[in-house]
Amino acid sequence: MHYRAIVNALQGKLRALGETGSPRGAAAGLLDWLDRQLDLDPQSVASRPLRMQQDFLRIMSAHVQIKPSGHEFFVDGNDSLLEAALRAGLALDYGCSAGSCGKCKARILSGQVQKTHHSDYVLGAAEKNAGVILMCRNTAAVDLVIEAREAHGAADMPLQRIEARVKSVSAIAEDMRLLHLQTPRSNRLRFLAGQSVSLELAGGQSASCPVASCPCDDRNLQFHVCRRTGDAFAERVFEGLGVTDTVHLEGPRGTFVLDEESNRPLVFIAGDAGFAPIKSLIEHAMALEAAESLSLYWIASARGGHYLDNLCRSWGDALDDFQYRPLTVNGAWSPAAVERALTPVLKNHPALEACDVYVAGPESLTNAAEYLLLERGLPRAQLFVNTLGP
């Protein structure tokens, strides 16, 4: 802080020197002043409290507990409470994320916050006296306990209509593209991992696609688009969709979401592009850090079907409680082929009743897997299935 103040003052003096013609005497006086400042003890120089507080916030972490759920998360630096909670996988109620709508209100039960950004939404006097703040405009100055609304399931997610922009279209396999959409800063998509949205292009081509990214980044949305004969939407993504093109988005929809009240081991079974919603679920589960362990079995029906194999292996390398197993069927999703592919799942998890199992993929996979898993003792309430189109 001491040396920053010297540099700031030096900038001002140099500007003044330039305006007055910079005689040699002024330059000598400037050097003399600089010598004196550098000789001062930095500890004896008083800094501005607000700037000091902001610098401190950048290096601290504060613990936040939410009532009545009891969920907890940490705020790093001067991230907003909302940003930190979303990053931790929590489904807090919010809207614009820009201090305009007031949907992310929370009440401080203990601790203090620091306002980080201006907000257009005006809290009433009674709300301020009750300790109400906007989570998107405040960070934690110390450890906090707050009262806030959270989504408890897919039914709590409002249907939203957003005009997003194409950020990029990249190849992740010969017949698979990663479509990256970006929403406006003030109109982000609130969704739960595993849910789907409807996408409509300017030419009228449309499709229902599971979100392949984590809700912790609600502005950057990823979709895995597979090329299929007669699919006009996929053909446009592959051949004619450009950066900054507009995509009309409507959603979220679907109940293929994590049971956040369970801390049982999680088993994920993906078939081909069924990996998209599974990826979202896995990233959400990692953010929550609630499950005892995570196991992923990705079954591919064609060569190159494990189109994000390196990502899955990196999860296994980075996490002690994560297991990844790529599996294959020989070109057809027959019940017999699926049963053979699922043999490692049954072998590695003999006590299925102790697990939650999530299955996503083509109907032939989900039907066979559902029958086999229930027959082997998995309780119906612990099986979650998402059947995707062909």
Protein backbone atom coordinates (compact mmCIF):
# COMPACT_ATOMS: atom_id res chain seq x y z
CA MET A 1 0.00 0.00 0.00
CA HIS A 2 2.87 2.38 0.83
CA TYR A 3 4.62 1.92 -2.50
CA ARG A 4 1.36 2.02 -4.41
CA ALA A 5 0.65 5.43 -2.84
CA ILE A 6 4.12 6.63 -3.87
CA VAL A 7 3.59 5.54 -7.47
CA ASN A 8 0.16 7.17 -7.61
CA ALA A 9 1.56 10.43 -6.26
CA LEU A 10 4.52 10.23 -8.64
CA GLN A 11 2.15 9.93 -11.59
CA GLY A 12 0.39 13.11 -10.56
CA LYS A 13 3.63 15.02 -10.07
CA LEU A 14 4.97 13.91 -13.46
CA ARG A 15 1.79 15.11 -15.16
CA ALA A 16 2.13 18.48 -13.42
CA LEU A 17 5.80 18.62 -14.38
CA GLY A 18 4.93 18.12 -18.02
CA GLU A 19 2.36 20.90 -17.93
CA THR A 20 4.82 23.43 -16.46
CA GLY A 21 7.67 22.83 -18.93
CA SER A 22 9.79 20.51 -16.70
CA PRO A 23 12.73 22.78 -15.71
CA ARG A 24 15.79 21.13 -14.18
CA GLY A 25 15.03 22.54 -10.74
CA ALA A 26 11.57 20.91 -10.74
CA ALA A 27 13.14 17.59 -11.76
CA ALA A 28 15.67 17.84 -8.91
CA GLY A 29 12.87 18.64 -6.47
CA LEU A 30 10.92 15.63 -7.69
CA LEU A 31 13.90 13.31 -7.13
CA ASP A 32 14.38 14.74 -3.63
CA TRP A 33 10.72 14.11 -2.81
CA LEU A 34 10.94 10.53 -4.13
CA ASP A 35 14.02 9.82 -1.99
CA ARG A 36 12.23 11.03 1.14
CA GLN A 37 9.17 8.91 0.41
CA LEU A 38 11.22 5.76 -0.13
CA ASP A 39 13.02 6.32 3.18
CA LEU A 40 9.73 6.30 5.12
CA ASP A 41 8.76 3.20 7.09
CA PRO A 42 5.81 1.61 5.25
CA GLN A 43 4.33 0.47 8.57
CA SER A 44 3.98 4.09 9.70
CA VAL A 45 1.98 5.15 6.65
CA ALA A 46 -1.79 5.14 7.17
CA SER A 47 -3.72 3.57 4.28
CA ARG A 48 -7.25 4.27 3.21
CA PRO A 49 -9.52 1.82 5.11
CA LEU A 50 -11.75 0.93 2.15
CA ARG A 51 -8.90 0.03 -0.20
CA MET A 52 -7.20 -1.89 2.59
CA GLN A 53 -10.43 -3.81 3.17
CA GLN A 54 -10.81 -4.60 -0.55
CA ASP A 55 -7.24 -5.93 -0.75
CA PHE A 56 -7.87 -8.06 2.33
CA LEU A 57 -11.06 -9.49 0.82
CA ARG A 58 -9.09 -10.69 -2.21
CA ILE A 59 -7.02 -13.09 -0.12
CA MET A 60 -9.49 -14.25 2.54
CA SER A 61 -12.04 -17.07 2.58
CA ALA A 62 -15.23 -16.82 4.58
CA HIS A 63 -17.52 -19.66 5.63
CA VAL A 64 -21.24 -19.23 4.92
CA GLN A 65 -24.08 -21.36 6.27
CA ILE A 66 -27.60 -21.18 4.79
CA LYS A 67 -30.72 -21.55 6.88
CA PRO A 68 -32.99 -23.46 7.00
CA SER A 69 -31.25 -26.04 4.76
CA GLY A 70 -27.95 -26.08 6.65
CA HIS A 71 -25.98 -26.05 3.37
CA GLU A 72 -22.52 -24.52 3.59
CA PHE A 73 -20.05 -22.94 1.18
CA PHE A 74 -16.94 -20.75 1.15
CA VAL A 75 -16.50 -17.32 -0.39
CA ASP A 76 -13.04 -16.70 -1.82
CA GLY A 77 -11.75 -13.16 -2.22
CA ASN A 78 -14.38 -10.60 -3.15
CA ASP A 79 -16.61 -12.99 -5.12
CA SER A 80 -20.29 -12.30 -4.51
CA LEU A 81 -22.25 -14.60 -2.22
CA LEU A 82 -24.30 -15.74 -5.21
CA GLU A 83 -21.25 -16.57 -7.35
CA ALA A 84 -19.65 -18.57 -4.54
CA ALA A 85 -22.86 -20.49 -3.77
CA LEU A 86 -23.42 -21.43 -7.44
CA ARG A 87 -19.81 -22.56 -7.72
CA ALA A 88 -20.42 -24.82 -4.71
CA GLY A 89 -23.36 -26.45 -6.52
CA LEU A 90 -26.15 -24.84 -4.49
CA ALA A 91 -29.45 -23.91 -6.15
CA LEU A 92 -30.21 -20.54 -4.59
CA ASP A 93 -33.11 -18.45 -5.83
CA TYR A 94 -31.95 -15.65 -8.13
CA GLY A 95 -32.79 -13.85 -11.35
CA CYS A 96 -30.70 -11.28 -13.20
CA SER A 97 -27.45 -11.64 -11.19
CA ALA A 98 -26.97 -7.90 -11.77
CA GLY A 99 -28.68 -6.22 -8.84
CA SER A 100 -31.83 -5.27 -10.75
CA CYS A 101 -34.55 -7.80 -9.92
CA GLY A 102 -34.24 -8.43 -6.16
CA LYS A 103 -34.84 -12.19 -6.45
CA CYS A 104 -31.59 -13.10 -4.69
CA LYS A 105 -32.54 -11.52 -1.37
CA ALA A 106 -31.13 -13.09 1.77
CA ARG A 107 -31.27 -12.10 5.43
CA ILE A 108 -28.13 -11.90 7.52
CA LEU A 109 -28.53 -13.84 10.76
CA SER A 110 -24.95 -13.35 11.91
CA GLY A 111 -21.77 -11.85 10.49
CA GLN A 112 -21.12 -8.93 8.16
CA VAL A 113 -21.09 -8.38 4.40
CA GLN A 114 -19.26 -5.93 2.15
CA LYS A 115 -21.04 -4.42 -0.86
CA THR A 116 -19.03 -5.04 -4.02
CA HIS A 117 -21.19 -3.50 -6.75
CA HIS A 118 -23.93 -0.93 -7.17
CA SER A 119 -27.49 -2.23 -7.43
CA ASP A 120 -30.47 -0.63 -9.17
CA TYR A 121 -32.91 -2.57 -6.99
CA VAL A 122 -33.77 -0.56 -3.88
CA LEU A 123 -34.40 -2.40 -0.63
CA GLY A 124 -37.05 -0.92 1.66
CA ALA A 125 -36.21 0.54 5.05
CA ALA A 126 -37.87 -2.38 6.85
CA GLU A 127 -35.82 -4.87 4.80
CA LYS A 128 -32.57 -3.06 5.54
CA ASN A 129 -33.38 -2.97 9.26
CA ALA A 130 -34.08 -6.72 9.13
CA GLY A 131 -30.65 -7.39 7.61
CA VAL A 132 -31.83 -8.16 4.07
CA ILE A 133 -29.18 -7.91 1.33
CA LEU A 134 -28.80 -8.90 -2.33
CA MET A 135 -26.48 -11.88 -2.67
CA CYS A 136 -25.33 -10.85 -6.15
CA ARG A 137 -24.06 -7.47 -4.93
CA ASN A 138 -22.40 -8.43 -1.64
CA THR A 139 -19.52 -10.55 -0.45
CA ALA A 140 -18.71 -11.94 2.98
CA ALA A 141 -16.53 -9.73 5.18
CA VAL A 142 -16.46 -12.42 7.89
CA ASP A 143 -18.08 -15.82 8.44
CA LEU A 144 -21.83 -15.62 7.84
CA VAL A 145 -25.11 -17.31 8.62
CA ILE A 146 -27.84 -16.27 6.19
CA GLU A 147 -31.46 -17.13 5.53
CA ALA A 148 -32.15 -17.68 1.82
CA ARG A 149 -34.51 -19.50 -0.53
CA GLU A 150 -33.24 -22.58 -2.37
CA ALA A 151 -34.66 -24.86 -5.05
CA HIS A 152 -35.41 -28.34 -3.75
CA GLY A 153 -36.13 -30.02 -7.07
CA ALA A 154 -37.01 -29.59 -10.72
CA ALA A 155 -40.47 -28.25 -9.84
CA ASP A 156 -38.84 -25.18 -8.26
CA MET A 157 -37.14 -24.18 -11.52
CA PRO A 158 -39.05 -21.51 -13.46
CA LEU A 159 -39.48 -21.83 -17.23
CA GLN A 160 -37.29 -19.18 -18.86
CA ARG A 161 -36.98 -17.78 -22.38
CA ILE A 162 -33.60 -16.35 -23.28
CA GLU A 163 -31.87 -15.19 -26.45
CA ALA A 164 -28.35 -16.59 -26.24
CA ARG A 165 -25.40 -16.10 -28.58
CA VAL A 166 -23.15 -18.72 -30.12
CA LYS A 167 -19.77 -18.48 -28.43
CA SER A 168 -18.19 -21.33 -30.39
CA VAL A 169 -18.83 -24.57 -32.26
CA SER A 170 -15.97 -27.06 -31.96
CA ALA A 171 -15.42 -30.65 -33.07
CA ILE A 172 -15.07 -33.21 -30.27
CA ALA A 173 -15.51 -36.21 -32.59
CA GLU A 174 -16.15 -36.82 -36.27
CA ASP A 175 -19.93 -36.75 -35.76
CA MET A 176 -20.11 -34.72 -32.55
CA ARG A 177 -19.93 -30.96 -32.00
CA LEU A 178 -19.64 -28.99 -28.79
CA LEU A 179 -22.05 -26.07 -29.02
CA HIS A 180 -21.12 -23.31 -26.56
CA LEU A 181 -23.84 -20.71 -25.96
CA GLN A 182 -23.50 -17.59 -23.83
CA THR A 183 -26.47 -15.86 -22.26
CA PRO A 184 -26.69 -12.10 -21.54
CA ARG A 185 -25.06 -11.07 -18.26
CA SER A 186 -28.39 -9.94 -16.87
CA ASN A 187 -30.48 -12.90 -18.07
CA ARG A 188 -28.76 -16.16 -17.24
CA LEU A 189 -30.28 -19.64 -17.28
CA ARG A 190 -31.20 -21.01 -13.89
CA PHE A 191 -31.31 -24.82 -14.12
CA LEU A 192 -30.45 -28.03 -12.32
CA ALA A 193 -27.79 -30.43 -13.54
CA GLY A 194 -29.27 -33.07 -15.84
CA GLN A 195 -32.08 -30.91 -17.19
CA SER A 196 -32.72 -30.11 -20.86
CA VAL A 197 -33.70 -27.00 -22.82
CA SER A 198 -35.29 -26.34 -26.20
CA LEU A 199 -33.04 -24.61 -28.72
CA GLU A 200 -34.37 -22.84 -31.82
CA LEU A 201 -32.17 -21.33 -34.53
CA ALA A 202 -32.98 -18.28 -36.65
CA GLY A 203 -33.96 -20.51 -39.58
CA GLY A 204 -36.57 -22.35 -37.50
CA GLN A 205 -34.54 -25.51 -36.87
CA SER A 206 -35.08 -26.70 -33.29
CA ALA A 207 -34.12 -29.48 -30.91
CA SER A 208 -34.40 -30.46 -27.25
CA CYS A 209 -30.90 -30.84 -25.82
CA PRO A 210 -29.64 -31.78 -22.36
CA VAL A 211 -27.28 -29.19 -20.90
CA ALA A 212 -23.81 -30.72 -20.76
CA SER A 213 -22.30 -28.18 -18.36
CA CYS A 214 -22.57 -27.44 -14.65
CA PRO A 215 -25.15 -25.00 -13.23
CA CYS A 216 -22.23 -23.38 -11.39
CA ASP A 217 -21.59 -21.44 -14.63
CA ASP A 218 -25.09 -20.35 -15.55
CA ARG A 219 -24.01 -18.00 -18.34
CA ASN A 220 -21.87 -20.42 -20.39
CA LEU A 221 -23.95 -23.38 -21.56
CA GLN A 222 -22.58 -26.42 -23.37
CA PHE A 223 -24.45 -28.90 -25.58
CA HIS A 224 -23.27 -32.06 -27.36
CA VAL A 225 -24.83 -32.14 -30.83
CA CYS A 226 -24.65 -35.44 -32.72
CA ARG A 227 -24.97 -35.54 -36.51
CA ARG A 228 -27.86 -37.71 -37.65
CA THR A 229 -29.49 -38.23 -41.03
CA GLY A 230 -32.49 -35.95 -41.46
CA ASP A 231 -31.72 -33.83 -38.38
CA ALA A 232 -31.93 -30.25 -39.71
CA PHE A 233 -30.87 -28.72 -36.39
CA ALA A 234 -27.70 -30.81 -36.18
CA GLU A 235 -26.92 -30.17 -39.85
CA ARG A 236 -27.10 -26.42 -39.27
CA VAL A 237 -24.80 -26.69 -36.23
CA PHE A 238 -22.28 -28.68 -38.27
CA GLU A 239 -22.40 -26.63 -41.45
CA GLY A 240 -23.90 -23.16 -41.05
CA LEU A 241 -23.95 -21.89 -37.47
CA GLY A 242 -21.60 -18.99 -36.88
CA VAL A 243 -20.18 -17.22 -33.88
CA THR A 244 -22.55 -14.52 -32.51
CA ASP A 245 -25.60 -16.12 -34.20
CA THR A 246 -28.70 -15.96 -32.01
CA VAL A 247 -30.24 -19.08 -30.48
CA HIS A 248 -33.64 -18.91 -28.76
CA LEU A 249 -33.54 -20.97 -25.59
CA GLU A 250 -36.53 -22.17 -23.55
CA GLY A 251 -36.30 -24.22 -20.37
CA PRO A 252 -35.26 -25.92 -18.24
CA ARG A 253 -37.28 -29.11 -18.39
CA GLY A 254 -36.94 -32.60 -16.97
CA THR A 255 -36.63 -34.37 -13.63
CA PHE A 256 -33.34 -36.19 -14.28
CA VAL A 257 -31.58 -34.36 -11.43
CA LEU A 258 -29.47 -35.24 -8.43
CA ASP A 259 -31.06 -36.29 -5.17
CA GLU A 260 -29.14 -33.76 -3.10
CA GLU A 261 -30.43 -35.16 0.19
CA SER A 262 -28.63 -38.46 -0.43
CA ASN A 263 -24.98 -39.06 0.40
CA ARG A 264 -24.92 -42.59 -1.03
CA PRO A 265 -22.26 -43.58 -3.60
CA LEU A 266 -23.24 -42.41 -7.08
CA VAL A 267 -23.11 -44.70 -10.12
CA PHE A 268 -23.46 -43.08 -13.56
CA ILE A 269 -24.18 -45.10 -16.70
CA ALA A 270 -24.05 -43.23 -20.01
CA GLY A 271 -24.78 -44.57 -23.47
CA ASP A 272 -23.22 -42.68 -26.39
CA ALA A 273 -24.41 -39.03 -26.26
CA GLY A 274 -26.19 -39.79 -23.00
CA PHE A 275 -22.88 -38.65 -21.56
CA ALA A 276 -24.06 -35.02 -21.95
CA PRO A 277 -26.54 -34.92 -19.02
CA ILE A 278 -24.33 -37.34 -17.08
CA LYS A 279 -21.41 -34.91 -17.41
CA SER A 280 -23.55 -32.12 -15.96
CA LEU A 281 -24.58 -34.34 -13.04
CA ILE A 282 -21.00 -35.40 -12.33
CA GLU A 283 -19.70 -31.82 -12.32
CA HIS A 284 -22.54 -30.81 -10.02
CA ALA A 285 -21.83 -33.72 -7.66
CA MET A 286 -18.16 -32.75 -7.58
CA ALA A 287 -19.12 -29.19 -6.62
CA LEU A 288 -21.39 -30.42 -3.82
CA GLU A 289 -18.75 -32.82 -2.45
CA ALA A 290 -21.54 -34.78 -0.74
CA ALA A 291 -21.32 -38.24 -2.31
CA GLU A 292 -19.15 -40.94 -0.78
CA SER A 293 -17.83 -41.92 -4.23
CA LEU A 294 -18.56 -41.49 -7.93
CA SER A 295 -18.34 -44.17 -10.61
CA LEU A 296 -18.81 -43.57 -14.34
CA TYR A 297 -19.46 -46.29 -16.90
CA TRP A 298 -19.62 -44.88 -20.44
CA ILE A 299 -20.90 -47.37 -23.01
CA ALA A 300 -20.20 -46.57 -26.67
CA SER A 301 -21.77 -48.28 -29.66
CA ALA A 302 -19.20 -47.11 -32.22
CA ARG A 303 -15.51 -46.40 -32.47
CA GLY A 304 -14.73 -42.94 -31.11
CA GLY A 305 -17.93 -42.96 -29.07
CA HIS A 306 -16.06 -41.95 -25.91
CA TYR A 307 -15.61 -38.49 -27.39
CA LEU A 308 -14.45 -36.87 -24.10
CA ASP A 309 -12.43 -39.81 -22.85
CA ASN A 310 -9.50 -37.62 -21.76
CA LEU A 311 -11.78 -35.49 -19.58
CA CYS A 312 -13.12 -38.57 -17.81
CA ARG A 313 -9.62 -39.93 -17.26
CA SER A 314 -8.53 -36.57 -15.85
CA TRP A 315 -11.33 -36.79 -13.27
CA GLY A 316 -10.06 -40.22 -12.27
CA ASP A 317 -6.50 -38.96 -11.99
CA ALA A 318 -7.46 -35.93 -9.92
CA LEU A 319 -9.97 -37.52 -7.52
CA ASP A 320 -9.37 -40.48 -5.23
CA ASP A 321 -13.09 -41.26 -4.98
CA PHE A 322 -13.78 -41.23 -8.75
CA GLN A 323 -13.74 -44.35 -10.95
CA TYR A 324 -14.06 -44.31 -14.75
CA ARG A 325 -14.63 -47.34 -16.97
CA PRO A 326 -15.15 -47.00 -20.78
CA LEU A 327 -17.26 -49.86 -22.15
CA THR A 328 -18.52 -50.86 -25.60
CA VAL A 329 -21.31 -52.74 -27.31
CA ASN A 330 -20.77 -54.19 -30.75
CA GLY A 331 -22.86 -51.81 -32.82
CA ALA A 332 -26.29 -52.74 -31.45
CA TRP A 333 -28.11 -51.99 -28.18
CA SER A 334 -29.71 -55.41 -27.85
CA PRO A 335 -30.72 -56.53 -24.33
CA ALA A 336 -28.03 -59.22 -24.42
CA ALA A 337 -25.34 -56.73 -25.49
CA VAL A 338 -26.38 -54.27 -22.79
CA GLU A 339 -26.33 -56.97 -20.14
CA ARG A 340 -22.79 -57.96 -21.18
CA ALA A 341 -21.70 -54.29 -21.11
CA LEU A 342 -23.17 -53.82 -17.63
CA THR A 343 -21.37 -56.83 -16.18
CA PRO A 344 -18.55 -54.64 -14.73
CA VAL A 345 -21.16 -52.42 -13.04
CA LEU A 346 -22.79 -55.36 -11.30
CA LYS A 347 -19.42 -56.84 -10.38
CA ASN A 348 -18.06 -53.62 -8.90
CA HIS A 349 -21.27 -52.78 -7.05
CA PRO A 350 -22.69 -56.01 -5.63
CA ALA A 351 -24.71 -54.08 -3.03
CA LEU A 352 -26.74 -51.94 -5.41
CA GLU A 353 -29.20 -51.05 -2.64
CA ALA A 354 -26.48 -48.85 -1.15
CA CYS A 355 -26.10 -46.74 -4.31
CA ASP A 356 -27.95 -44.15 -6.36
CA VAL A 357 -27.77 -45.00 -10.07
CA TYR A 358 -28.25 -42.55 -12.96
CA VAL A 359 -28.70 -43.91 -16.49
CA ALA A 360 -28.90 -41.81 -19.67
CA GLY A 361 -28.84 -42.91 -23.29
CA PRO A 362 -30.93 -44.47 -26.06
CA GLU A 363 -34.15 -46.25 -25.15
CA SER A 364 -32.73 -49.71 -25.82
CA LEU A 365 -30.03 -49.05 -23.20
CA THR A 366 -32.23 -47.44 -20.57
CA ASN A 367 -34.94 -50.14 -20.81
CA ALA A 368 -32.47 -53.01 -20.51
CA ALA A 369 -30.48 -51.30 -17.75
CA GLU A 370 -33.61 -50.48 -15.77
CA TYR A 371 -34.84 -54.08 -15.89
CA LEU A 372 -31.45 -55.53 -14.99
CA LEU A 373 -30.68 -53.11 -12.14
CA LEU A 374 -34.08 -53.47 -10.48
CA GLU A 375 -33.85 -57.25 -10.81
CA ARG A 376 -30.49 -57.15 -9.00
CA GLY A 377 -31.94 -55.32 -6.01
CA LEU A 378 -31.66 -51.61 -6.73
CA PRO A 379 -34.61 -49.82 -5.09
CA ARG A 380 -36.84 -48.00 -7.59
CA ALA A 381 -36.44 -44.71 -5.68
CA GLN A 382 -32.68 -44.87 -6.17
CA LEU A 383 -32.80 -45.30 -9.96
CA PHE A 384 -32.93 -42.22 -12.19
CA VAL A 385 -33.39 -42.66 -15.94
CA ASN A 386 -33.17 -40.25 -18.88
CA THR A 387 -34.11 -41.75 -22.25
CA LEU A 388 -32.73 -39.75 -25.17
CA GLY A 389 -33.86 -39.86 -28.78
CA PRO A 390 -32.15 -42.11 -31.35
